[in-house]
Protein backbone atom coordinates (compact mmCIF):
# COMPACT_ATOMS: atom_id res chain seq x y z
CA MET A 1 -43.81 -7.09 35.29
CA GLN A 2 -43.22 -5.43 32.50
CA ARG A 3 -45.83 -5.22 29.24
CA HIS A 4 -44.90 -4.72 25.66
CA ASP A 5 -46.89 -4.71 22.63
CA VAL A 6 -44.03 -6.41 20.63
CA VAL A 7 -40.87 -8.21 22.18
CA VAL A 8 -37.80 -9.16 19.54
CA VAL A 9 -35.34 -11.12 21.16
CA GLY A 10 -31.84 -10.97 19.68
CA ALA A 11 -30.62 -7.46 18.81
CA GLY A 12 -28.38 -8.53 15.28
CA LEU A 13 -29.76 -7.47 11.58
CA ALA A 14 -32.58 -9.25 11.90
CA GLY A 15 -34.19 -8.20 15.87
CA GLN A 16 -33.45 -4.48 14.90
CA ARG A 17 -34.78 -4.25 11.65
CA ALA A 18 -37.40 -6.04 13.15
CA ALA A 19 -38.01 -3.84 16.32
CA LEU A 20 -37.39 -0.63 14.06
CA ALA A 21 -40.09 -2.20 11.88
CA ALA A 22 -42.72 -2.14 14.27
CA ILE A 23 -41.96 1.03 15.94
CA THR A 24 -42.67 2.26 12.40
CA ALA A 25 -46.00 0.99 13.48
CA GLY A 26 -46.64 2.45 16.02
CA CYS A 27 -46.16 -0.48 18.57
CA ASP A 28 -44.18 -0.74 22.30
CA VAL A 29 -41.62 -2.37 21.62
CA ALA A 30 -39.32 -3.89 23.67
CA ILE A 31 -35.86 -5.77 22.65
CA LEU A 32 -34.19 -8.44 24.95
CA THR A 33 -30.87 -9.45 23.70
CA LYS A 34 -27.95 -11.85 26.09
CA LEU A 35 -25.16 -8.96 24.95
CA HIS A 36 -24.77 -5.46 23.68
CA PRO A 37 -26.21 -5.55 20.46
CA LEU A 38 -23.30 -4.24 18.48
CA ARG A 39 -21.61 -7.46 19.77
CA SER A 40 -24.10 -9.71 18.17
CA HIS A 41 -22.76 -11.72 15.47
CA SER A 42 -24.22 -10.28 12.43
CA GLY A 43 -20.81 -8.30 12.81
CA ALA A 44 -18.71 -11.01 12.07
CA ALA A 45 -20.30 -11.07 8.48
CA GLN A 46 -17.29 -9.93 6.45
CA GLY A 47 -17.97 -10.63 3.23
CA GLY A 48 -20.97 -8.42 2.03
CA ILE A 49 -24.58 -8.49 1.18
CA ASN A 50 -26.08 -9.78 -2.50
CA ALA A 51 -28.14 -7.16 -4.78
CA ALA A 52 -28.25 -7.29 -8.37
CA VAL A 53 -27.44 -3.21 -8.94
CA GLY A 54 -25.18 -3.94 -11.57
CA LYS A 55 -26.55 -3.01 -15.34
CA GLU A 56 -25.37 -6.47 -16.62
CA ASP A 57 -27.21 -8.17 -13.73
CA SER A 58 -30.88 -8.75 -13.24
CA VAL A 59 -32.99 -9.91 -10.32
CA GLU A 60 -34.32 -12.89 -12.38
CA THR A 61 -30.57 -14.03 -12.33
CA HIS A 62 -29.99 -13.90 -8.67
CA THR A 63 -33.54 -15.40 -7.96
CA TYR A 64 -31.86 -18.14 -10.35
CA ASP A 65 -28.50 -18.39 -8.85
CA THR A 66 -29.81 -19.07 -5.31
CA VAL A 67 -32.48 -21.55 -6.29
CA LYS A 68 -29.82 -23.54 -8.00
CA GLY A 69 -27.59 -22.72 -5.01
CA SER A 70 -29.98 -24.38 -2.83
CA ASP A 71 -29.44 -27.21 -4.56
CA TYR A 72 -33.62 -27.00 -5.38
CA LEU A 73 -34.76 -26.85 -2.06
CA GLY A 74 -35.57 -23.39 -1.68
CA ASP A 75 -39.00 -22.53 -2.14
CA GLN A 76 -39.23 -20.39 -4.98
CA ASP A 77 -41.69 -17.89 -4.29
CA ALA A 78 -39.93 -16.77 -1.46
CA ILE A 79 -36.65 -16.60 -3.11
CA GLU A 80 -37.89 -14.49 -5.94
CA PHE A 81 -39.92 -12.30 -3.18
CA PHE A 82 -36.46 -11.93 -1.36
CA CYS A 83 -34.22 -11.27 -4.75
CA LYS A 84 -36.34 -8.38 -5.77
CA ALA A 85 -36.01 -6.64 -1.94
CA ALA A 86 -32.33 -6.77 -2.65
CA GLY A 87 -31.31 -3.73 -4.00
CA PRO A 88 -34.17 -1.14 -1.99
CA THR A 89 -32.84 -3.08 0.79
CA VAL A 90 -29.20 -1.94 0.07
CA VAL A 91 -30.34 1.93 -0.50
CA GLU A 92 -32.03 2.31 2.46
CA MET A 93 -28.90 0.74 4.44
CA GLU A 94 -27.20 3.10 2.57
CA HIS A 95 -29.33 6.03 3.73
CA PHE A 96 -29.09 4.94 7.21
CA GLY A 97 -25.59 5.89 6.88
CA THR A 98 -23.48 2.45 6.05
CA ILE A 99 -20.29 3.11 4.12
CA PHE A 100 -19.83 0.89 1.24
CA SER A 101 -17.15 0.47 -0.19
CA ARG A 102 -17.19 2.54 -4.41
CA SER A 103 -15.64 1.43 -7.75
CA GLU A 104 -13.64 4.29 -9.37
CA ASP A 105 -16.49 5.60 -10.92
CA GLY A 106 -18.14 6.53 -8.00
CA SER A 107 -21.00 3.17 -7.96
CA LEU A 108 -21.70 0.68 -4.98
CA ALA A 109 -18.38 -1.78 -5.59
CA ARG A 110 -19.54 -5.17 -6.25
CA ARG A 111 -17.39 -8.52 -5.92
CA PRO A 112 -17.88 -11.93 -7.29
CA PHE A 113 -18.98 -14.51 -5.03
CA GLY A 114 -19.70 -18.24 -5.26
CA GLY A 115 -22.59 -19.59 -7.36
CA ALA A 116 -23.19 -16.47 -8.79
CA GLY A 117 -23.56 -15.65 -12.34
CA PHE A 118 -22.58 -12.24 -12.09
CA PRO A 119 -20.43 -9.84 -9.31
CA ARG A 120 -22.97 -8.90 -6.86
CA THR A 121 -21.71 -8.78 -3.44
CA ILE A 122 -22.15 -5.43 -1.96
CA TYR A 123 -19.07 -4.99 0.64
CA ALA A 124 -17.70 -2.32 3.20
CA ALA A 125 -13.85 -3.72 2.64
CA ASP A 126 -14.54 -7.37 4.84
CA ARG A 127 -16.19 -5.99 7.57
CA THR A 128 -19.83 -5.74 5.87
CA GLY A 129 -21.62 -6.73 9.03
CA LEU A 130 -20.37 -4.82 11.49
CA ALA A 131 -21.16 -1.50 9.08
CA LEU A 132 -24.03 -1.97 8.57
CA LEU A 133 -24.83 -3.22 11.85
CA GLN A 134 -23.19 -0.20 13.10
CA ALA A 135 -25.79 2.13 11.10
CA LEU A 136 -28.65 -0.11 11.76
CA PHE A 137 -28.07 0.61 15.65
CA GLU A 138 -27.34 4.10 15.22
CA HIS A 139 -30.86 4.94 13.32
CA LEU A 140 -32.65 2.69 15.31
CA GLY A 141 -30.94 5.03 18.74
CA THR A 142 -33.51 7.73 17.43
CA GLN A 143 -36.91 5.68 17.64
CA PRO A 144 -38.49 4.79 21.47
CA TYR A 145 -38.03 1.01 22.72
CA THR A 146 -36.71 -1.09 25.54
CA LEU A 147 -33.31 -2.52 25.80
CA TYR A 148 -32.75 -5.51 28.33
CA GLU A 149 -29.19 -6.01 27.67
CA GLU A 150 -27.48 -9.18 29.32
CA TRP A 151 -30.73 -11.16 29.41
CA ASP A 152 -31.10 -15.01 28.67
CA LEU A 153 -34.63 -15.98 26.96
CA ILE A 154 -35.70 -19.08 29.45
CA GLU A 155 -39.02 -19.81 28.06
CA VAL A 156 -41.84 -18.73 24.88
CA VAL A 157 -45.30 -18.54 27.05
CA VAL A 158 -48.02 -19.65 24.91
CA ARG A 159 -51.53 -20.24 26.02
CA ASP A 160 -54.90 -20.33 24.58
CA GLY A 161 -53.06 -21.58 21.26
CA ARG A 162 -51.18 -18.26 21.02
CA VAL A 163 -48.34 -15.96 23.09
CA GLN A 164 -48.69 -14.25 25.57
CA GLY A 165 -45.19 -13.49 26.34
CA ILE A 166 -41.30 -14.83 27.84
CA VAL A 167 -39.70 -15.47 30.83
CA ALA A 168 -36.57 -14.48 30.97
CA PHE A 169 -33.24 -14.19 33.44
CA ASP A 170 -31.49 -11.09 34.01
CA ARG A 171 -27.62 -11.56 34.29
CA LYS A 172 -26.81 -8.58 36.14
CA SER A 173 -29.35 -9.04 39.09
CA GLY A 174 -29.72 -13.07 38.80
CA GLU A 175 -33.33 -12.91 38.76
CA PHE A 176 -35.84 -13.94 36.77
CA ALA A 177 -38.95 -12.07 35.19
CA GLU A 178 -42.12 -12.40 33.23
CA ILE A 179 -42.41 -9.66 30.29
CA ALA A 180 -45.72 -9.85 28.93
CA ALA A 181 -46.35 -9.13 25.47
CA LYS A 182 -48.93 -9.38 22.61
CA ALA A 183 -45.96 -11.43 19.64
CA VAL A 184 -42.91 -12.40 20.01
CA VAL A 185 -40.04 -12.29 17.30
CA LEU A 186 -37.48 -14.41 17.87
CA ALA A 187 -34.23 -13.69 15.83
CA THR A 188 -31.16 -15.18 18.15
CA GLY A 189 -29.17 -16.03 15.23
CA PRO A 190 -27.68 -19.84 14.62
CA ALA A 191 -26.70 -22.55 17.14
CA GLY A 192 -23.18 -23.07 15.38
CA ARG A 193 -21.85 -24.07 18.92
CA ILE A 194 -23.08 -27.00 18.50
CA TYR A 195 -20.03 -27.91 16.56
CA GLY A 196 -16.30 -27.46 18.01
CA ARG A 197 -14.95 -26.25 14.50
CA THR A 198 -16.99 -23.46 13.76
CA THR A 199 -16.53 -19.72 12.71
CA ASN A 200 -19.74 -19.37 14.64
CA ALA A 201 -19.57 -16.70 17.68
CA HIS A 202 -19.72 -18.48 21.37
CA SER A 203 -23.30 -16.56 21.75
CA CYS A 204 -24.19 -18.28 18.35
CA THR A 205 -26.14 -21.63 20.74
CA GLY A 206 -29.42 -21.49 18.96
CA ASP A 207 -31.82 -20.40 22.44
CA GLY A 208 -34.70 -18.56 20.51
CA ILE A 209 -34.89 -21.97 18.39
CA ALA A 210 -35.00 -24.24 21.29
CA ALA A 211 -37.31 -22.04 23.17
CA ALA A 212 -39.74 -22.18 20.08
CA TYR A 213 -39.20 -25.84 19.58
CA ARG A 214 -40.02 -26.40 23.20
CA VAL A 215 -43.65 -24.75 22.85
CA GLY A 216 -44.73 -26.88 19.74
CA SER A 217 -42.96 -24.81 16.99
CA LEU A 218 -42.52 -26.96 14.10
CA LEU A 219 -38.21 -26.36 12.67
CA LYS A 220 -37.48 -27.03 9.22
CA ASP A 221 -34.68 -28.63 6.84
CA MET A 222 -32.75 -28.38 10.44
CA GLU A 223 -30.36 -31.31 9.09
CA PHE A 224 -28.40 -28.94 6.59
CA VAL A 225 -25.41 -27.64 8.22
CA GLN A 226 -23.21 -25.46 6.00
CA PHE A 227 -19.17 -25.22 6.47
CA HIS A 228 -17.49 -22.98 5.09
CA PRO A 229 -14.39 -23.82 3.22
CA THR A 230 -11.87 -21.25 4.58
CA ALA A 231 -11.12 -21.20 7.88
CA LEU A 232 -8.41 -20.45 9.61
CA LEU A 233 -6.72 -24.35 10.65
CA ASP A 234 -6.13 -24.17 14.45
CA SER A 235 -8.64 -21.09 15.85
CA GLY A 236 -12.04 -21.92 13.03
CA ILE A 237 -11.79 -18.21 12.39
CA LEU A 238 -13.86 -16.99 9.16
CA ILE A 239 -11.55 -16.20 5.85
CA THR A 240 -14.60 -14.50 3.66
CA GLU A 241 -15.40 -15.83 0.68
CA GLY A 242 -14.61 -12.20 -0.49
CA ALA A 243 -11.01 -13.34 -0.44
CA ARG A 244 -11.60 -15.49 -3.29
CA GLY A 245 -13.99 -13.19 -4.87
CA GLU A 246 -10.96 -10.64 -5.03
CA GLY A 247 -9.11 -13.62 -6.92
CA GLY A 248 -7.47 -15.46 -3.91
CA ILE A 249 -6.80 -19.44 -5.12
CA LEU A 250 -6.80 -22.46 -3.51
CA LYS A 251 -3.35 -24.88 -3.68
CA ASN A 252 -2.73 -28.40 -2.59
CA ALA A 253 0.45 -29.85 -0.62
CA ALA A 254 1.69 -30.51 -4.40
CA GLY A 255 0.67 -26.59 -5.86
CA GLU A 256 -1.92 -27.63 -8.15
CA GLN A 257 -5.23 -25.41 -8.06
CA PHE A 258 -7.41 -28.37 -7.69
CA MET A 259 -10.83 -26.45 -7.83
CA ALA A 260 -10.38 -27.22 -11.74
CA LYS A 261 -11.07 -31.20 -10.77
CA TYR A 262 -14.59 -30.09 -9.02
CA ALA A 263 -16.16 -27.15 -10.59
CA PRO A 264 -14.02 -26.70 -13.83
CA HIS A 265 -16.44 -23.65 -15.09
CA VAL A 266 -15.90 -21.45 -12.05
CA LEU A 267 -12.87 -22.98 -9.90
CA ASP A 268 -12.78 -21.72 -6.56
CA LEU A 269 -16.00 -19.47 -6.63
CA ALA A 270 -18.01 -22.42 -6.83
CA SER A 271 -20.86 -22.68 -4.23
CA ARG A 272 -19.69 -23.71 -0.38
CA ASP A 273 -20.76 -27.16 -0.23
CA VAL A 274 -18.49 -28.18 -3.10
CA VAL A 275 -15.71 -26.65 -2.71
CA SER A 276 -15.90 -27.31 1.28
CA ARG A 277 -15.92 -31.05 -0.18
CA ALA A 278 -12.90 -30.53 -2.24
CA ILE A 279 -11.41 -29.61 -0.24
CA VAL A 280 -11.73 -32.46 2.43
CA THR A 281 -11.31 -35.20 -0.33
CA GLU A 282 -8.02 -33.46 -1.63
CA ILE A 283 -6.74 -33.93 2.27
CA GLN A 284 -8.54 -36.92 2.50
CA GLN A 285 -6.82 -38.65 -0.69
CA GLY A 286 -3.34 -37.14 0.69
CA ARG A 287 -2.87 -33.85 -1.51
CA GLY A 288 -3.61 -32.11 1.15
CA PHE A 289 -0.75 -30.62 3.91
CA PRO A 290 0.63 -32.43 6.87
CA GLY A 291 -2.25 -31.64 9.27
CA GLY A 292 -5.45 -31.37 7.62
CA TYR A 293 -5.23 -28.59 5.28
CA VAL A 294 -5.13 -26.31 2.38
CA HIS A 295 -3.40 -23.18 0.92
CA LEU A 296 -5.46 -19.87 0.28
CA GLU A 297 -2.89 -17.75 -1.89
CA LEU A 298 -3.54 -14.19 -1.88
CA MET A 299 -0.27 -13.20 -2.38
CA HIS A 300 -0.46 -12.19 -6.58
CA LEU A 301 -2.91 -9.55 -6.00
CA GLY A 302 -0.44 -7.56 -4.18
CA LYS A 303 -0.22 -5.47 -0.71
CA GLU A 304 -2.49 -2.49 -1.95
CA LYS A 305 -5.01 -4.41 -2.95
CA ILE A 306 -4.96 -7.06 -0.38
CA GLU A 307 -4.53 -4.53 2.56
CA SER A 308 -7.04 -2.51 1.25
CA ARG A 309 -9.84 -5.03 0.26
CA LEU A 310 -9.38 -7.75 2.86
CA GLN A 311 -7.71 -5.54 5.70
CA GLU A 312 -9.22 -8.17 8.78
CA ILE A 313 -8.35 -11.09 6.90
CA CYS A 314 -4.65 -9.52 7.05
CA ASP A 315 -4.79 -8.99 10.50
CA PHE A 316 -6.74 -12.37 11.23
CA GLY A 317 -3.58 -13.82 9.46
CA ARG A 318 -1.27 -12.19 10.92
CA ASN A 319 -2.32 -12.39 15.04
CA PHE A 320 -4.04 -16.23 14.58
CA ALA A 321 -2.30 -17.80 12.21
CA GLY A 322 1.10 -16.46 11.77
CA VAL A 323 1.08 -15.90 8.22
CA ASP A 324 1.32 -12.39 6.45
CA PRO A 325 -1.37 -12.65 3.27
CA VAL A 326 0.50 -10.01 1.56
CA THR A 327 3.84 -12.67 1.32
CA GLN A 328 2.44 -16.42 2.57
CA PRO A 329 -0.56 -18.57 2.33
CA ILE A 330 -2.88 -18.81 4.59
CA PRO A 331 -3.67 -22.42 5.79
CA VAL A 332 -7.44 -22.80 6.13
CA THR A 333 -9.61 -26.22 6.40
CA PRO A 334 -13.90 -26.11 6.42
CA ALA A 335 -15.42 -25.02 9.61
CA GLN A 336 -18.90 -25.45 10.28
CA HIS A 337 -20.55 -21.90 9.87
CA TYR A 338 -24.40 -21.67 8.65
CA MET A 339 -27.40 -23.48 9.50
CA MET A 340 -30.08 -23.38 6.66
CA GLY A 341 -32.71 -24.38 8.56
CA GLY A 342 -34.40 -22.90 11.75
CA ILE A 343 -37.55 -22.31 12.89
CA GLY A 344 -40.24 -22.97 10.08
CA THR A 345 -42.08 -19.32 8.86
CA ASN A 346 -43.55 -17.98 5.87
CA GLN A 347 -42.33 -14.75 4.18
CA ARG A 348 -44.16 -12.82 6.44
CA GLY A 349 -42.03 -14.30 9.54
CA GLU A 350 -45.03 -16.40 11.08
CA THR A 351 -44.45 -19.69 12.26
CA ASN A 352 -46.63 -22.05 13.09
CA ILE A 353 -48.09 -20.82 16.66
CA LEU A 354 -49.91 -17.79 16.50
CA GLY A 355 -48.08 -14.24 17.97
CA LEU A 356 -44.81 -16.28 17.34
CA TYR A 357 -42.50 -14.68 14.79
CA SER A 358 -39.01 -15.26 13.26
CA ALA A 359 -36.35 -13.60 11.00
CA GLY A 360 -32.59 -14.48 10.25
CA GLU A 361 -30.34 -17.34 11.08
CA ALA A 362 -33.13 -18.71 13.76
CA ALA A 363 -36.02 -18.81 11.27
CA CYS A 364 -35.96 -21.14 7.74
CA VAL A 365 -38.02 -19.16 4.94
CA SER A 366 -37.08 -21.03 3.03
CA ILE A 367 -34.48 -19.48 1.02
CA HIS A 368 -31.52 -21.36 1.31
CA GLY A 369 -33.10 -24.83 0.38
CA ALA A 370 -30.14 -27.13 0.94
CA ASN A 371 -27.21 -24.58 0.66
CA ARG A 372 -26.75 -21.22 0.94
CA LEU A 373 -25.02 -18.41 -0.88
CA GLY A 374 -22.56 -16.20 0.23
CA GLY A 375 -23.88 -12.20 0.55
CA ASN A 376 -27.15 -13.52 0.96
CA SER A 377 -27.27 -14.20 4.63
CA LEU A 378 -26.78 -10.42 5.52
CA LEU A 379 -29.45 -9.84 3.51
CA GLU A 380 -31.71 -12.27 4.64
CA THR A 381 -31.71 -10.77 7.96
CA LEU A 382 -32.68 -7.14 6.97
CA VAL A 383 -35.59 -8.61 4.28
CA PHE A 384 -37.19 -10.79 6.86
CA GLY A 385 -36.47 -8.98 9.77
CA ARG A 386 -38.51 -5.84 8.80
CA GLN A 387 -41.21 -8.76 7.23
CA SER A 388 -41.67 -10.25 10.80
CA GLY A 389 -41.85 -6.38 12.54
CA GLU A 390 -44.89 -5.61 10.04
CA ALA A 391 -46.36 -9.22 10.20
CA ALA A 392 -46.36 -8.43 14.29
CA ALA A 393 -47.39 -5.43 14.16
CA ALA A 394 -50.42 -6.07 12.28
CA TYR A 395 -51.08 -8.48 14.67
CA VAL A 396 -50.67 -6.56 17.76
CA ALA A 397 -53.50 -4.14 16.41
CA THR A 398 -56.38 -6.54 16.85
CA ALA A 399 -54.96 -9.22 19.55
CA PRO A 400 -56.12 -9.64 22.78
CA THR A 401 -54.68 -8.38 25.97
CA PRO A 402 -51.43 -11.18 27.09
CA VAL A 403 -52.20 -12.88 29.99
CA LEU A 404 -49.01 -14.17 32.50
CA ALA A 405 -49.71 -16.24 35.29
CA GLU A 406 -46.88 -16.74 38.40
CA THR A 407 -47.38 -20.17 37.89
CA ASP A 408 -45.91 -19.08 34.22
CA LEU A 409 -42.64 -18.39 36.17
CA ASP A 410 -42.76 -21.11 38.42
CA HIS A 411 -42.95 -23.63 35.43
CA ALA A 412 -40.25 -22.20 33.73
CA VAL A 413 -37.91 -21.56 36.42
CA ALA A 414 -38.31 -24.69 38.57
CA PRO A 415 -36.02 -27.05 36.49
CA ILE A 416 -33.60 -24.40 36.29
CA ARG A 417 -33.69 -24.12 40.76
CA SER A 418 -32.75 -27.98 40.64
CA MET A 419 -29.67 -27.37 38.72
CA SER A 420 -28.48 -24.86 41.54
CA ALA A 421 -30.00 -27.17 44.39
CA ARG A 422 -27.75 -30.22 43.54
CA SER A 423 -24.47 -31.42 45.40
CA ASP A 424 -23.60 -33.14 42.83
CA GLY A 425 -24.16 -33.86 39.75
CA GLU A 426 -22.99 -33.35 35.74
CA ASP A 427 -20.83 -30.27 34.93
CA PRO A 428 -22.60 -29.00 31.56
CA LEU A 429 -18.71 -27.80 29.92
CA GLN A 430 -17.98 -31.20 30.17
CA LEU A 431 -20.88 -31.85 28.62
CA ARG A 432 -20.77 -29.16 25.85
CA LYS A 433 -17.54 -30.53 24.73
CA GLU A 434 -18.25 -34.56 24.34
CA MET A 435 -21.74 -32.88 22.35
CA GLN A 436 -19.34 -30.73 20.35
CA ALA A 437 -16.79 -33.86 19.16
CA THR A 438 -19.76 -36.02 18.84
CA MET A 439 -20.61 -33.99 15.84
CA ASP A 440 -17.28 -32.55 14.26
CA THR A 441 -16.53 -36.66 14.65
CA LEU A 442 -20.10 -37.85 13.59
CA VAL A 443 -22.08 -35.39 11.75
CA GLY A 444 -20.03 -33.45 9.27
CA ILE A 445 -19.39 -32.44 5.82
CA TYR A 446 -19.78 -36.53 4.59
CA ARG A 447 -22.04 -38.62 6.83
CA THR A 448 -22.98 -42.09 6.90
CA ALA A 449 -26.32 -43.87 8.34
CA GLY A 450 -23.40 -45.87 10.62
CA ASP A 451 -22.01 -42.40 12.11
CA LEU A 452 -25.17 -41.15 12.08
CA ALA A 453 -26.74 -43.40 14.46
CA GLU A 454 -23.74 -43.44 16.70
CA ALA A 455 -24.02 -39.75 17.00
CA LEU A 456 -27.67 -40.18 18.18
CA ARG A 457 -26.69 -42.81 20.61
CA GLN A 458 -24.11 -40.27 21.92
CA ILE A 459 -26.26 -37.25 21.64
CA ARG A 460 -28.85 -39.43 23.45
CA ALA A 461 -26.23 -40.49 26.13
CA LEU A 462 -25.74 -36.70 27.03
CA LYS A 463 -29.08 -35.29 27.03
CA GLU A 464 -29.63 -38.23 29.93
CA ARG A 465 -27.36 -37.05 31.33
CA PHE A 466 -27.86 -33.39 31.26
CA GLN A 467 -30.86 -34.27 33.45
CA ARG A 468 -28.31 -34.54 36.45
CA VAL A 469 -26.46 -31.30 35.17
CA ARG A 470 -25.33 -29.46 38.27
CA VAL A 471 -24.92 -25.45 38.68
CA ALA A 472 -22.34 -25.58 40.99
CA ASP A 473 -21.42 -21.20 40.95
CA VAL A 474 -23.47 -20.06 43.89
CA SER A 475 -23.54 -16.24 42.95
CA GLN A 476 -26.50 -14.01 41.98
CA HIS A 477 -24.81 -11.92 39.74
CA PHE A 478 -23.19 -12.99 36.11
CA ASN A 479 -23.69 -16.27 37.18
CA ILE A 480 -21.70 -17.88 33.62
CA ASN A 481 -22.22 -20.93 34.88
CA LEU A 482 -26.12 -21.07 34.73
CA THR A 483 -25.53 -19.64 31.14
CA ASP A 484 -23.67 -22.62 29.95
CA ALA A 485 -26.26 -24.92 31.48
CA LEU A 486 -29.14 -23.10 29.37
CA GLU A 487 -27.12 -22.90 26.50
CA THR A 488 -26.19 -26.91 26.80
CA GLY A 489 -29.57 -27.96 26.91
CA ASN A 490 -30.63 -25.95 24.24
CA MET A 491 -27.86 -27.14 22.00
CA LEU A 492 -28.20 -31.08 22.77
CA GLU A 493 -32.18 -30.53 21.97
CA LEU A 494 -31.38 -29.41 18.72
CA ALA A 495 -28.19 -31.72 18.14
CA GLU A 496 -30.75 -34.72 18.17
CA VAL A 497 -33.64 -32.92 15.81
CA ILE A 498 -30.43 -32.41 12.81
CA ILE A 499 -28.69 -35.68 13.47
CA VAL A 500 -32.76 -37.70 13.15
CA GLY A 501 -33.45 -35.38 10.28
CA ALA A 502 -29.88 -36.09 8.55
CA ILE A 503 -31.01 -40.01 9.16
CA ALA A 504 -34.04 -39.67 7.67
CA ARG A 505 -33.45 -38.13 4.14
CA THR A 506 -31.53 -41.27 2.28
CA GLU A 507 -30.21 -38.65 -0.55
CA SER A 508 -27.51 -36.37 -1.06
CA ARG A 509 -28.83 -32.67 -1.47
CA GLY A 510 -26.52 -29.41 -0.84
CA ALA A 511 -24.58 -29.19 2.75
CA HIS A 512 -26.48 -32.76 3.65
CA ALA A 513 -23.78 -35.02 1.78
CA ARG A 514 -24.38 -39.25 2.51
CA LEU A 515 -21.79 -41.43 1.64
CA ASP A 516 -24.07 -44.15 1.22
CA TYR A 517 -26.31 -42.18 -0.62
CA PRO A 518 -24.28 -40.14 -3.08
CA LYS A 519 -27.16 -38.89 -5.41
CA ARG A 520 -29.88 -36.37 -5.23
CA ASP A 521 -33.30 -38.29 -5.25
CA ASP A 522 -35.81 -35.30 -6.25
CA ALA A 523 -38.70 -38.55 -6.57
CA ALA A 524 -38.41 -39.01 -3.09
CA TRP A 525 -36.25 -36.04 -1.21
CA LEU A 526 -38.03 -33.04 -3.09
CA LYS A 527 -39.76 -31.87 0.20
CA HIS A 528 -38.98 -30.19 3.87
CA THR A 529 -38.15 -31.61 7.06
CA LEU A 530 -40.80 -30.28 9.66
CA ALA A 531 -39.63 -31.59 13.08
CA GLY A 532 -41.71 -31.62 16.09
CA ARG A 533 -41.10 -32.33 19.69
CA GLY A 534 -42.47 -35.69 20.72
CA ALA A 535 -42.26 -37.18 24.10
CA ASP A 536 -39.02 -39.66 22.63
CA GLY A 537 -37.69 -36.76 20.77
CA PRO A 538 -38.02 -35.20 17.39
CA THR A 539 -41.22 -36.51 14.89
CA LEU A 540 -40.59 -35.74 11.62
CA SER A 541 -42.64 -34.62 9.00
CA TYR A 542 -42.46 -33.21 5.48
CA ALA A 543 -44.15 -30.35 3.64
CA PRO A 544 -43.73 -29.69 -0.49
CA VAL A 545 -41.10 -27.62 -1.83
CA THR A 546 -42.81 -24.24 -3.85
CA ILE A 547 -41.60 -24.53 -7.60
CA THR A 548 -42.54 -21.78 -10.17
CA ARG A 549 -40.28 -20.99 -12.38
CA PHE A 550 -37.34 -23.03 -12.14
CA GLU A 551 -37.91 -26.94 -12.46
CA PRO A 552 -34.98 -29.05 -10.88
CA LYS A 553 -32.05 -30.34 -12.51
CA GLU A 554 -28.66 -31.00 -11.77
CA ARG A 555 -26.71 -28.62 -10.11
CA VAL A 556 -23.13 -27.78 -12.07
CA TYR A 557 -20.41 -25.09 -12.04
C-alpha cells in the first residue's frame, strides 16, 4: 500500500496547481491521472484567460460582469476573491514560462469576450489552455512528487467522518490498489460525455464528481449545463469564442446578422447562453441552413489576422469541416461545453467531508452560477486549484494517520469483479449511447416538464440495466472495456442528478431555459441546488446565494 499526505486526482491545470501548492507547503504529494498530464482537457481551452489588467478595466467591472453573467446565481464574495486574484495569477503563469500573445507596444494582448464590459481576455493565439498547461507542467517537473499515470479512480474511502485515501485501478498492470492519504483533492474535470454532442474530450466522464457523490459529498447546481454557441456541425469540435472576439459574425441562411435581434448592444458577444438560444431559435424558426446550422464568418478579418490569431480554428475548419475560414464561412451549431455545477465547495476547495477537496470544473464554488463567461474557466482552475492545495496542506499538518483496511479494497472492487464474471449482460457502450441520445434530445438548451420527466424515466431504466452490465474483455492490461463500464456508471449517476435538479427548478435562469417557466423567479429560486445521494436517487436541498454588492436585476446585453 502506498501512502502520501495529499493525493490529487486529475492532472489538468486545477490538479497540477493544487499539487504545486501542497508541495510548496512541504507535503508528500501524489497525482493520479487517467491520461498523460499534457493530454488533460485543460489543453483544449482555446480563447483565453480573463484578468482586469487594462488601464480602462477594473476588478470591480470584472466582478460585476461575472455576477451578471451568472444570472445572479454566483456567490459574490467568491467572485470578488476570484477576480482580485486574476492579475497576480496571470503574472505568475507568465513567470512560469507561458508565452502569451503581445500587443504592438509589448503589453499582454487582450481580446473581447462575450458578456465582458472591456477586452480582458489574455490569450496565446487560440491555444491558451495548452500554453498554460505546458508551462505549469514544466514548472511542476522541478518539484518532487509521485505520478500515477493511466490510473482510474474507483472510490474515495471515508471513515470516521474523514478521508482515509482512495482505491484506484492501474490500467497498465490491471491491478486494483489502495493509496492512503490524509487529504484527497478531486480535480477530474467535467462530465460532458453524458451528452453525445459535446466539445468535451472523451476523458470527461465525471469520475471525481461521481466518486464524491457516492461517499456523501453534496453536488451543487448540477442542472446548469452550458452549451457553447459555436461548434462544428458534424464533429462538435469547439470553435472558440475568440473567433467572435476578433470580429467574427454569425449569420443565418438569409445572410442576416441575427444577433441584433437578441442582443442589440453587444451583438455576437452576448453571453453564451443568450447566443446559444438565439442560434437554436433561428434554426427552429426556419432561418437556419438545411441540416440545422448557421454560419460563422471570419473572411472579412483578412488572411493575416485569421491565420496568426486563430491558427487552430483554421486547422479545424480545413481538416474537419472541409472549409477554409479565410475564404469560406464555418458551419456551426451549439454543443454541450461546460458544467456550472459540480462538487460543492467553499473558496478553499473544502467540501462537506473532512479531508476532501475539489477544484476546477469538477467543483462548484460557485462563481459561475447559472452561466459561465468565456475566459473565466482557465482562471478558475488556477485560482481555486491553488486554494484547494493550500487548504489540503494546512489540514494534513494536524490530521491523524489515515487507516485503510483490506475490506476497503474488497468493497470497492466487488461490483467490478461481478461485471467481469458475467457470461451475459448489458454492453456498457450501448448504455452510454442511449444515455447520450436521451440527454441530447430531452435535456438540452430548451427544456420542458414533459421532456425532463421522460428523460428521468429513460435514465433510471438505463441505471437499472447497468446493474447487469458485463465486461466481456478478460485481458488484464489496458482493459478499455472495463474503463468504459466504470465511466458509464459514473455518468448515469450524474445524468440523474442533472435531470432531477432541472425538474425541480421551475424557472429559467442562465443556461437552464424552461419553455414552461420562461421567466427568472428570484422570489422562489434565488438559491443553490444541493443534491445528496439517497437510496432512491438524488435528494435535494437548497442553500442561499451570497449577495454582497450587486442586487439582482434583469440581465440585458
